[in-house]
C-alpha atoms as a PDB file:
ATOM      1  CA  MET A   1      97.426 100.242  70.545  1.00  0.00           C
ATOM      2  CA  LYS A   2      95.892 100.440  73.970  1.00  0.00           C
ATOM      3  CA  THR A   3      97.273 103.174  76.159  1.00  0.00           C
ATOM      4  CA  ARG A   4      99.329 101.718  79.001  1.00  0.00           C
ATOM      5  CA  THR A   5      99.623 104.786  81.188  1.00  0.00           C
ATOM      6  CA  ILE A   6     102.106 104.876  84.040  1.00  0.00           C
ATOM      7  CA  ALA A   7      99.399 106.000  86.439  1.00  0.00           C
ATOM      8  CA  LEU A   8      97.172 103.003  85.699  1.00  0.00           C
ATOM      9  CA  LEU A   9     100.068 100.589  85.993  1.00  0.00           C
ATOM     10  CA  LEU A  10     101.014 102.041  89.365  1.00  0.00           C
ATOM     11  CA  ILE A  11      97.434 101.577  90.568  1.00  0.00           C
ATOM     12  CA  ALA A  12      97.372  97.958  89.436  1.00  0.00           C
ATOM     13  CA  THR A  13     100.761  97.270  90.990  1.00  0.00           C
ATOM     14  CA  ALA A  14      99.736  98.842  94.285  1.00  0.00           C
ATOM     15  CA  THR A  15      96.629  96.638  94.418  1.00  0.00           C
ATOM     16  CA  LEU A  16      98.627  93.460  93.932  1.00  0.00           C
ATOM     17  CA  LEU A  17     101.336  94.564  96.335  1.00  0.00           C
ATOM     18  CA  ALA A  18      98.723  94.395  99.076  1.00  0.00           C
ATOM     19  CA  THR A  19      99.273  90.644  99.227  1.00  0.00           C
ATOM     20  CA  THR A  20     102.694  89.939  97.747  1.00  0.00           C
ATOM     21  CA  THR A  21     105.648  91.600  96.059  1.00  0.00           C
ATOM     22  CA  THR A  22     105.895  91.591  92.279  1.00  0.00           C
ATOM     23  CA  GLN A  23     108.457  91.048  89.584  1.00  0.00           C
ATOM     24  CA  ALA A  24     108.747  92.041  85.944  1.00  0.00           C
ATOM     25  CA  GLN A  25     108.475  89.226  83.407  1.00  0.00           C
ATOM     26  CA  ASP A  26     110.448  88.179  80.349  1.00  0.00           C
ATOM     27  CA  ALA A  27     107.518  88.387  77.942  1.00  0.00           C
ATOM     28  CA  SER A  28     108.627  86.322  74.979  1.00  0.00           C
ATOM     29  CA  CYS A  29     107.371  83.559  72.712  1.00  0.00           C
ATOM     30  CA  LYS A  30     108.731  80.122  73.650  1.00  0.00           C
ATOM     31  CA  TYR A  31     106.387  77.551  72.070  1.00  0.00           C
ATOM     32  CA  SER A  32     104.556  78.513  68.861  1.00  0.00           C
ATOM     33  CA  PHE A  33     101.678  76.627  67.221  1.00  0.00           C
ATOM     34  CA  ALA A  34      99.818  77.207  63.946  1.00  0.00           C
ATOM     35  CA  THR A  35      97.203  75.594  61.704  1.00  0.00           C
ATOM     36  CA  GLY A  36      95.032  76.388  58.692  1.00  0.00           C
ATOM     37  CA  SER A  37      94.939  79.410  56.411  1.00  0.00           C
ATOM     38  CA  GLY A  38      92.817  82.487  55.739  1.00  0.00           C
ATOM     39  CA  SER A  39      89.631  82.544  57.827  1.00  0.00           C
ATOM     40  CA  GLY A  40      90.532  79.100  59.271  1.00  0.00           C
ATOM     41  CA  TYR A  41      93.983  80.188  60.414  1.00  0.00           C
ATOM     42  CA  LEU A  42      95.153  80.077  64.028  1.00  0.00           C
ATOM     43  CA  GLN A  43      98.570  80.866  65.458  1.00  0.00           C
ATOM     44  CA  PHE A  44      99.314  81.244  69.158  1.00  0.00           C
ATOM     45  CA  CYS A  45     102.385  81.216  71.335  1.00  0.00           C
ATOM     46  CA  ILE A  46     103.096  80.151  74.930  1.00  0.00           C
ATOM     47  CA  THR A  47     105.743  81.663  77.206  1.00  0.00           C
ATOM     48  CA  GLN A  48     108.065  79.548  79.335  1.00  0.00           C
ATOM     49  CA  ASN A  49     105.860  80.383  82.357  1.00  0.00           C
ATOM     50  CA  GLY A  50     102.674  79.042  80.790  1.00  0.00           C
ATOM     51  CA  THR A  51     100.968  82.252  79.671  1.00  0.00           C
ATOM     52  CA  VAL A  52      99.525  82.978  76.217  1.00  0.00           C
ATOM     53  CA  TYR A  53     101.776  85.483  74.476  1.00  0.00           C
ATOM     54  CA  ASN A  54      99.733  86.045  71.320  1.00  0.00           C
ATOM     55  CA  PHE A  55      96.675  84.742  69.479  1.00  0.00           C
ATOM     56  CA  GLN A  56      96.233  85.388  65.765  1.00  0.00           C
ATOM     57  CA  SER A  57      92.991  84.221  64.134  1.00  0.00           C
ATOM     58  CA  PRO A  58      92.051  84.682  61.319  1.00  0.00           C
ATOM     59  CA  GLN A  59      95.340  85.281  59.531  1.00  0.00           C
ATOM     60  CA  ASN A  60      96.970  88.660  60.270  1.00  0.00           C
ATOM     61  CA  VAL A  61      94.388  89.508  62.951  1.00  0.00           C
ATOM     62  CA  GLU A  62      96.020  89.695  66.403  1.00  0.00           C
ATOM     63  CA  MET A  63      93.675  89.278  69.376  1.00  0.00           C
ATOM     64  CA  LEU A  64      95.955  89.599  72.414  1.00  0.00           C
ATOM     65  CA  SER A  65      99.009  91.606  71.431  1.00  0.00           C
ATOM     66  CA  PRO A  66      98.259  94.126  68.645  1.00  0.00           C
ATOM     67  CA  GLN A  67     100.962  96.392  67.281  1.00  0.00           C
ATOM     68  CA  SER A  68     103.635  94.638  69.385  1.00  0.00           C
ATOM     69  CA  SER A  69     102.091  95.729  72.697  1.00  0.00           C
ATOM     70  CA  VAL A  70     102.870  93.500  75.687  1.00  0.00           C
ATOM     71  CA  PRO A  71      99.914  91.113  76.181  1.00  0.00           C
ATOM     72  CA  PHE A  72      98.079  90.947  79.500  1.00  0.00           C
ATOM     73  CA  GLU A  73      97.178  87.251  79.999  1.00  0.00           C
ATOM     74  CA  GLY A  74      97.680  84.604  82.632  1.00  0.00           C
ATOM     75  CA  TYR A  75      96.541  82.865  85.787  1.00  0.00           C
ATOM     76  CA  GLY A  76      96.133  83.434  89.502  1.00  0.00           C
ATOM     77  CA  ILE A  77      95.626  81.498  92.750  1.00  0.00           C
ATOM     78  CA  CYS A  78      94.599  82.664  96.219  1.00  0.00           C
ATOM     79  CA  ASP A  79      95.229  80.461  99.251  1.00  0.00           C
ATOM     80  CA  PRO A  80      92.144  80.914 101.486  1.00  0.00           C
ATOM     81  CA  THR A  81      94.047  80.118 104.696  1.00  0.00           C
ATOM     82  CA  THR A  82      97.077  82.377 104.274  1.00  0.00           C
ATOM     83  CA  ASN A  83      95.379  84.963 102.004  1.00  0.00           C
ATOM     84  CA  VAL A  84      98.466  84.870  99.770  1.00  0.00           C
ATOM     85  CA  SER A  85      98.144  85.535  96.026  1.00  0.00           C
ATOM     86  CA  TYR A  86     100.162  83.772  93.344  1.00  0.00           C
ATOM     87  CA  TYR A  87      99.794  85.081  89.800  1.00  0.00           C
ATOM     88  CA  ASP A  88     101.476  85.602  86.445  1.00  0.00           C
ATOM     89  CA  TYR A  89      99.930  88.036  83.956  1.00  0.00           C
ATOM     90  CA  ILE A  90     102.980  88.414  81.634  1.00  0.00           C
ATOM     91  CA  TYR A  91     103.365  92.156  82.228  1.00  0.00           C
ATOM     92  CA  GLU A  92     103.774  91.434  85.935  1.00  0.00           C
ATOM     93  CA  ALA A  93     103.926  88.424  88.264  1.00  0.00           C
ATOM     94  CA  SER A  94     104.220  87.641  91.953  1.00  0.00           C
ATOM     95  CA  ASN A  95     107.698  86.537  93.033  1.00  0.00           C
ATOM     96  CA  ASN A  96     106.477  83.490  94.960  1.00  0.00           C
ATOM     97  CA  TRP A  97     106.840  80.927  92.153  1.00  0.00           C
ATOM     98  CA  ASN A  98     109.604  78.442  91.535  1.00  0.00           C
ATOM     99  CA  ALA A  99     111.050  78.312  88.026  1.00  0.00           C
ATOM    100  CA  PRO A 100     108.766  76.582  85.508  1.00  0.00           C
ATOM    101  CA  THR A 101     109.503  73.102  84.200  1.00  0.00           C
ATOM    102  CA  THR A 102     108.578  71.994  80.689  1.00  0.00           C
ATOM    103  CA  LEU A 103     107.447  68.380  81.036  1.00  0.00           C
ATOM    104  CA  THR A 104     106.677  67.600  77.377  1.00  0.00           C
ATOM    105  CA  SER A 105     106.666  69.499  74.090  1.00  0.00           C
ATOM    106  CA  THR A 106     105.447  68.467  70.619  1.00  0.00           C
ATOM    107  CA  ALA A 107     104.368  70.216  67.414  1.00  0.00           C
ATOM    108  CA  SER A 108     100.817  70.551  68.737  1.00  0.00           C
ATOM    109  CA  GLU A 109     101.124  70.570  72.543  1.00  0.00           C
ATOM    110  CA  VAL A 110     103.263  71.727  75.460  1.00  0.00           C
ATOM    111  CA  LYS A 111     102.971  70.804  79.161  1.00  0.00           C
ATOM    112  CA  ILE A 112     104.429  73.155  81.784  1.00  0.00           C
ATOM    113  CA  GLU A 113     104.575  72.746  85.565  1.00  0.00           C
ATOM    114  CA  ARG A 114     104.986  75.466  88.184  1.00  0.00           C
ATOM    115  CA  VAL A 115     105.160  75.059  91.957  1.00  0.00           C
ATOM    116  CA  THR A 116     104.682  77.944  94.363  1.00  0.00           C
ATOM    117  CA  SER A 117     107.869  78.785  96.256  1.00  0.00           C
ATOM    118  CA  ASP A 118     106.257  77.779  99.573  1.00  0.00           C
ATOM    119  CA  GLY A 119     105.416  74.375  98.073  1.00  0.00           C
ATOM    120  CA  LEU A 120     101.707  74.685  98.831  1.00  0.00           C
ATOM    121  CA  TRP A 121     100.352  74.553  95.260  1.00  0.00           C
ATOM    122  CA  THR A 122     101.336  72.899  91.982  1.00  0.00           C
ATOM    123  CA  LEU A 123      99.919  74.138  88.678  1.00  0.00           C
ATOM    124  CA  THR A 124     100.421  71.903  85.638  1.00  0.00           C
ATOM    125  CA  GLN A 125      99.177  73.337  82.351  1.00  0.00           C
ATOM    126  CA  THR A 126      98.786  71.606  79.002  1.00  0.00           C
ATOM    127  CA  PHE A 127      98.309  73.829  75.950  1.00  0.00           C
ATOM    128  CA  THR A 128      96.981  72.039  72.861  1.00  0.00           C
ATOM    129  CA  LEU A 129      96.398  73.238  69.299  1.00  0.00           C
ATOM    130  CA  GLU A 130      92.946  72.018  68.234  1.00  0.00           C
ATOM    131  CA  THR A 131      92.526  72.186  64.468  1.00  0.00           C
ATOM    132  CA  GLY A 132      88.722  72.430  64.487  1.00  0.00           C
ATOM    133  CA  PRO A 133      86.881  73.657  62.549  1.00  0.00           C
ATOM    134  CA  PRO A 134      86.941  76.190  64.009  1.00  0.00           C
ATOM    135  CA  PRO A 135      90.500  75.992  65.369  1.00  0.00           C
ATOM    136  CA  TYR A 136      91.106  76.912  68.995  1.00  0.00           C
ATOM    137  CA  ALA A 137      93.702  76.797  71.767  1.00  0.00           C
ATOM    138  CA  LYS A 138      92.843  74.400  74.601  1.00  0.00           C
ATOM    139  CA  VAL A 139      94.263  75.075  78.060  1.00  0.00           C
ATOM    140  CA  ALA A 140      93.998  72.213  80.576  1.00  0.00           C
ATOM    141  CA  MET A 141      95.049  73.415  84.048  1.00  0.00           C
ATOM    142  CA  GLU A 142      95.645  70.906  86.846  1.00  0.00           C
ATOM    143  CA  LEU A 143      95.770  72.539  90.283  1.00  0.00           C
ATOM    144  CA  LYS A 144      97.034  70.391  93.164  1.00  0.00           C
ATOM    145  CA  ASN A 145      96.704  71.093  96.878  1.00  0.00           C
ATOM    146  CA  ASN A 146      99.999  70.120  98.553  1.00  0.00           C
ATOM    147  CA  THR A 147      98.909  71.291 102.005  1.00  0.00           C
ATOM    148  CA  PRO A 148      97.800  68.950 104.840  1.00  0.00           C
ATOM    149  CA  GLU A 149      94.270  70.407 104.966  1.00  0.00           C
ATOM    150  CA  THR A 150      91.193  70.695 102.741  1.00  0.00           C
ATOM    151  CA  LYS A 151      91.013  74.083 101.038  1.00  0.00           C
ATOM    152  CA  THR A 152      88.845  75.930  98.527  1.00  0.00           C
ATOM    153  CA  PRO A 153      91.279  78.191  96.690  1.00  0.00           C
ATOM    154  CA  THR A 154      90.412  80.911  94.224  1.00  0.00           C
ATOM    155  CA  PHE A 155      91.735  80.030  90.773  1.00  0.00           C
ATOM    156  CA  LEU A 156      91.372  82.131  87.638  1.00  0.00           C
ATOM    157  CA  ARG A 157      92.388  82.547  83.988  1.00  0.00           C
ATOM    158  CA  PHE A 158      92.637  86.173  82.874  1.00  0.00           C
ATOM    159  CA  ALA A 159      92.842  87.901  79.477  1.00  0.00           C
ATOM    160  CA  ASN A 160      92.859  91.486  78.263  1.00  0.00           C
ATOM    161  CA  PHE A 161      91.103  90.905  74.949  1.00  0.00           C
ATOM    162  CA  VAL A 162      92.221  93.400  72.303  1.00  0.00           C
ATOM    163  CA  PRO A 163      90.427  92.263  69.130  1.00  0.00           C
ATOM    164  CA  ASP A 164      92.604  93.926  66.498  1.00  0.00           C
ATOM    165  CA  SER A 165      91.652  97.414  67.639  1.00  0.00           C
ATOM    166  CA  GLY A 166      94.063 100.294  67.372  1.00  0.00           C
ATOM    167  CA  SER A 167      91.895 102.555  69.487  1.00  0.00           C
ATOM    168  CA  GLY A 168      91.819 101.014  72.963  1.00  0.00           C
ATOM    169  CA  VAL A 169      88.005 100.870  73.007  1.00  0.00           C
ATOM    170  CA  GLU A 170      86.140  97.617  72.552  1.00  0.00           C
ATOM    171  CA  ASN A 171      83.135  95.814  74.049  1.00  0.00           C
ATOM    172  CA  TYR A 172      83.278  93.251  76.860  1.00  0.00           C
ATOM    173  CA  ASP A 173      80.851  90.856  78.508  1.00  0.00           C
ATOM    174  CA  SER A 174      80.612  87.458  80.213  1.00  0.00           C
ATOM    175  CA  THR A 175      78.279  84.578  81.049  1.00  0.00           C
ATOM    176  CA  LEU A 176      78.501  81.680  83.470  1.00  0.00           C
ATOM    177  CA  ASN A 177      80.889  79.800  81.153  1.00  0.00           C
ATOM    178  CA  SER A 178      82.569  82.508  79.064  1.00  0.00           C
ATOM    179  CA  THR A 179      84.139  85.942  78.925  1.00  0.00           C
ATOM    180  CA  TRP A 180      85.015  87.872  75.755  1.00  0.00           C
ATOM    181  CA  GLY A 181      85.936  91.108  74.025  1.00  0.00           C
ATOM    182  CA  TYR A 182      85.074  92.284  70.520  1.00  0.00           C
ATOM    183  CA  THR A 183      84.938  95.212  68.131  1.00  0.00           C
ATOM    184  CA  SER A 184      81.499  95.892  66.649  1.00  0.00           C
ATOM    185  CA  PHE A 185      80.651  97.280  63.214  1.00  0.00           C
ATOM    186  CA  SER A 186      79.745 100.632  64.757  1.00  0.00           C
ATOM    187  CA  ASP A 187      83.077 100.767  66.593  1.00  0.00           C
ATOM    188  CA  ALA A 188      84.939  99.899  63.408  1.00  0.00           C
ATOM    189  CA  THR A 189      83.242 102.757  61.567  1.00  0.00           C
ATOM    190  CA  THR A 190      84.581 105.157  64.197  1.00  0.00           C
ATOM    191  CA  THR A 191      88.046 103.727  64.795  1.00  0.00           C
ATOM    192  CA  GLY A 192      88.877 101.874  61.588  1.00  0.00           C
ATOM    193  CA  ALA A 193      89.491  98.639  63.508  1.00  0.00           C
ATOM    194  CA  ASN A 194      88.633  95.222  62.128  1.00  0.00           C
ATOM    195  CA  VAL A 195      85.402  93.589  63.313  1.00  0.00           C
ATOM    196  CA  TYR A 196      86.517  90.564  65.332  1.00  0.00           C
ATOM    197  CA  GLY A 197      86.350  89.101  68.828  1.00  0.00           C
ATOM    198  CA  LEU A 198      88.100  86.645  71.152  1.00  0.00           C
ATOM    199  CA  MET A 199      86.385  84.410  73.708  1.00  0.00           C
ATOM    200  CA  LEU A 200      87.760  82.556  76.742  1.00  0.00           C
ATOM    201  CA  GLN A 201      85.373  79.716  77.504  1.00  0.00           C
ATOM    202  CA  ASN A 202      85.100  76.844  79.949  1.00  0.00           C
ATOM    203  CA  ALA A 203      85.466  73.887  77.564  1.00  0.00           C
ATOM    204  CA  GLU A 204      84.753  70.913  79.817  1.00  0.00           C
ATOM    205  CA  ALA A 205      83.392  70.156  83.278  1.00  0.00           C
ATOM    206  CA  PRO A 206      86.212  70.113  85.865  1.00  0.00           C
ATOM    207  CA  THR A 207      87.563  66.623  86.538  1.00  0.00           C
ATOM    208  CA  PRO A 208      87.305  64.474  88.510  1.00  0.00           C
ATOM    209  CA  GLY A 209      83.600  65.140  88.926  1.00  0.00           C
ATOM    210  CA  SER A 210      83.803  64.101  92.578  1.00  0.00           C
ATOM    211  CA  ILE A 211      85.553  67.403  93.380  1.00  0.00           C
ATOM    212  CA  THR A 212      83.049  70.178  93.981  1.00  0.00           C
ATOM    213  CA  THR A 213      83.852  73.180  91.794  1.00  0.00           C
ATOM    214  CA  THR A 214      81.875  76.335  91.109  1.00  0.00           C
ATOM    215  CA  TRP A 215      82.764  78.879  88.439  1.00  0.00           C
ATOM    216  CA  GLN A 216      81.675  81.965  86.529  1.00  0.00           C
ATOM    217  CA  GLY A 217      82.815  84.377  83.844  1.00  0.00           C
ATOM    218  CA  VAL A 218      83.702  87.906  84.981  1.00  0.00           C
ATOM    219  CA  THR A 219      83.928  91.192  83.072  1.00  0.00           C
ATOM    220  CA  GLN A 220      86.256  93.915  84.424  1.00  0.00           C
ATOM    221  CA  ASN A 221      86.355  97.669  83.851  1.00  0.00           C
ATOM    222  CA  THR A 222      90.157  97.623  83.841  1.00  0.00           C
ATOM    223  CA  GLU A 223      92.870  96.294  81.534  1.00  0.00           C
ATOM    224  CA  PHE A 224      94.872  94.825  84.406  1.00  0.00           C
ATOM    225  CA  GLY A 225      94.772  91.393  86.008  1.00  0.00           C
ATOM    226  CA  PRO A 226      92.798  90.985  89.258  1.00  0.00           C
ATOM    227  CA  ASN A 227      94.180  90.354  92.710  1.00  0.00           C
ATOM    228  CA  PRO A 228      93.342  86.641  93.140  1.00  0.00           C
ATOM    229  CA  CYS A 229      92.478  87.284  96.812  1.00  0.00           C
ATOM    230  CA  GLY A 230      89.981  89.997  95.826  1.00  0.00           C
ATOM    231  CA  PRO A 231      89.089  89.104  92.258  1.00  0.00           C
ATOM    232  CA  LEU A 232      85.772  90.933  91.970  1.00  0.00           C
ATOM    233  CA  ALA A 233      87.046  94.383  92.965  1.00  0.00           C
ATOM    234  CA  ALA A 234      86.784  95.721  89.398  1.00  0.00           C
ATOM    235  CA  SER A 235      83.963  93.474  88.167  1.00  0.00           C
ATOM    236  CA  SER A 236      81.473  95.130  85.853  1.00  0.00           C
ATOM    237  CA  GLY A 237      78.403  94.550  83.774  1.00  0.00           C
ATOM    238  CA  THR A 238      78.483  94.867  79.994  1.00  0.00           C
ATOM    239  CA  ILE A 239      81.167  97.294  78.788  1.00  0.00           C
ATOM    240  CA  THR A 240      80.481  99.196  75.577  1.00  0.00           C
ATOM    241  CA  TYR A 241      83.113 101.121  73.628  1.00  0.00           C
ATOM    242  CA  ASN A 242      85.638 101.338  76.436  1.00  0.00           C
ATOM    243  CA  SER A 243      88.625  99.532  77.978  1.00  0.00           C
ATOM    244  CA  GLY A 244      88.161  96.285  79.845  1.00  0.00           C
ATOM    245  CA  SER A 245      89.158  92.653  80.281  1.00  0.00           C
ATOM    246  CA  GLY A 246      87.762  89.401  81.596  1.00  0.00           C
ATOM    247  CA  PHE A 247      88.529  86.165  83.409  1.00  0.00           C
ATOM    248  CA  LEU A 248      87.055  82.801  84.323  1.00  0.00           C
ATOM    249  CA  LEU A 249      86.850  82.343  88.091  1.00  0.00           C
ATOM    250  CA  TYR A 250      86.888  78.906  89.769  1.00  0.00           C
ATOM    251  CA  TYR A 251      86.435  77.690  93.350  1.00  0.00           C
ATOM    252  CA  PRO A 252      87.393  73.984  93.645  1.00  0.00           C
ATOM    253  CA  THR A 253      87.318  72.242  97.038  1.00  0.00           C
ATOM    254  CA  LEU A 254      90.499  70.182  97.298  1.00  0.00           C
ATOM    255  CA  ALA A 255      91.456  67.765 100.060  1.00  0.00           C
ATOM    256  CA  LYS A 256      95.078  67.062 100.989  1.00  0.00           C
ATOM    257  CA  ASP A 257      97.160  65.944  97.975  1.00  0.00           C
ATOM    258  CA  LYS A 258      94.139  66.163  95.657  1.00  0.00           C
ATOM    259  CA  SER A 259      93.996  67.948  92.319  1.00  0.00           C
ATOM    260  CA  VAL A 260      91.384  69.200  89.880  1.00  0.00           C
ATOM    261  CA  THR A 261      91.755  69.738  86.141  1.00  0.00           C
ATOM    262  CA  ILE A 262      90.020  72.774  84.673  1.00  0.00           C
ATOM    263  CA  THR A 263      89.869  73.056  80.886  1.00  0.00           C
ATOM    264  CA  ASP A 264      89.352  76.343  79.060  1.00  0.00           C
ATOM    265  CA  LYS A 265      89.719  77.363  75.436  1.00  0.00           C
ATOM    266  CA  TYR A 266      90.506  80.505  73.449  1.00  0.00           C
ATOM    267  CA  MET A 267      88.527  80.878  70.235  1.00  0.00           C
ATOM    268  CA  ALA A 268      88.103  83.748  67.776  1.00  0.00           C
ATOM    269  CA  PHE A 269      84.629  84.805  66.657  1.00  0.00           C
END
């Protein structure tokens, strides 16, 4: 299990407190989805707040929450005018969200809406089980600007990839469209961990195409979620045999009452 030291958590909390106060989260599975078997197996779970609680693929290989550790996964927004951060990373969240609303729920999909407590932003997320092959979890995130002015917010999806390692040391990297963590054969020889990886990837071009959006994958040299109003503070190049995490970073330009839908996916490799 990765070491969650009190000192590191205090550092992460202090960084986020620079923009807003925080609250502890009820990290629990609310909506569970599964398909396939063996190497084609996928099971993942979504919390009531719209974060990914666990991701198991292939069968019995946990990618986000090994050995019952609390997963670090979620989303963040920064308002460029007010410089206020809104985020939820399961282990910690800002306290400037209204309660989530589940709009629809089926055996293969759940749709959850959250509005910031100041009413400025609405985030509507749809999580879908895609059977593949290979199977994957699709996350469609609609961000709406409820303010009376055009803004280019920072929006991100974050994950602390822990690819079935019991050691707390993996490898991390990113490209323009993806970010990932994995355990290599050489690492497995040293630690006894299984040789697997998990990727967070931009799955589709943001829609509608008329809304200008730029994006990139980011690797971090920390396990903790970034401050959305300073997301690159811990950015790093390739990380080898150490702790890390990653996120996809988006900058959509949204006019008054306009929204953009950003679609990512989690897939084991």
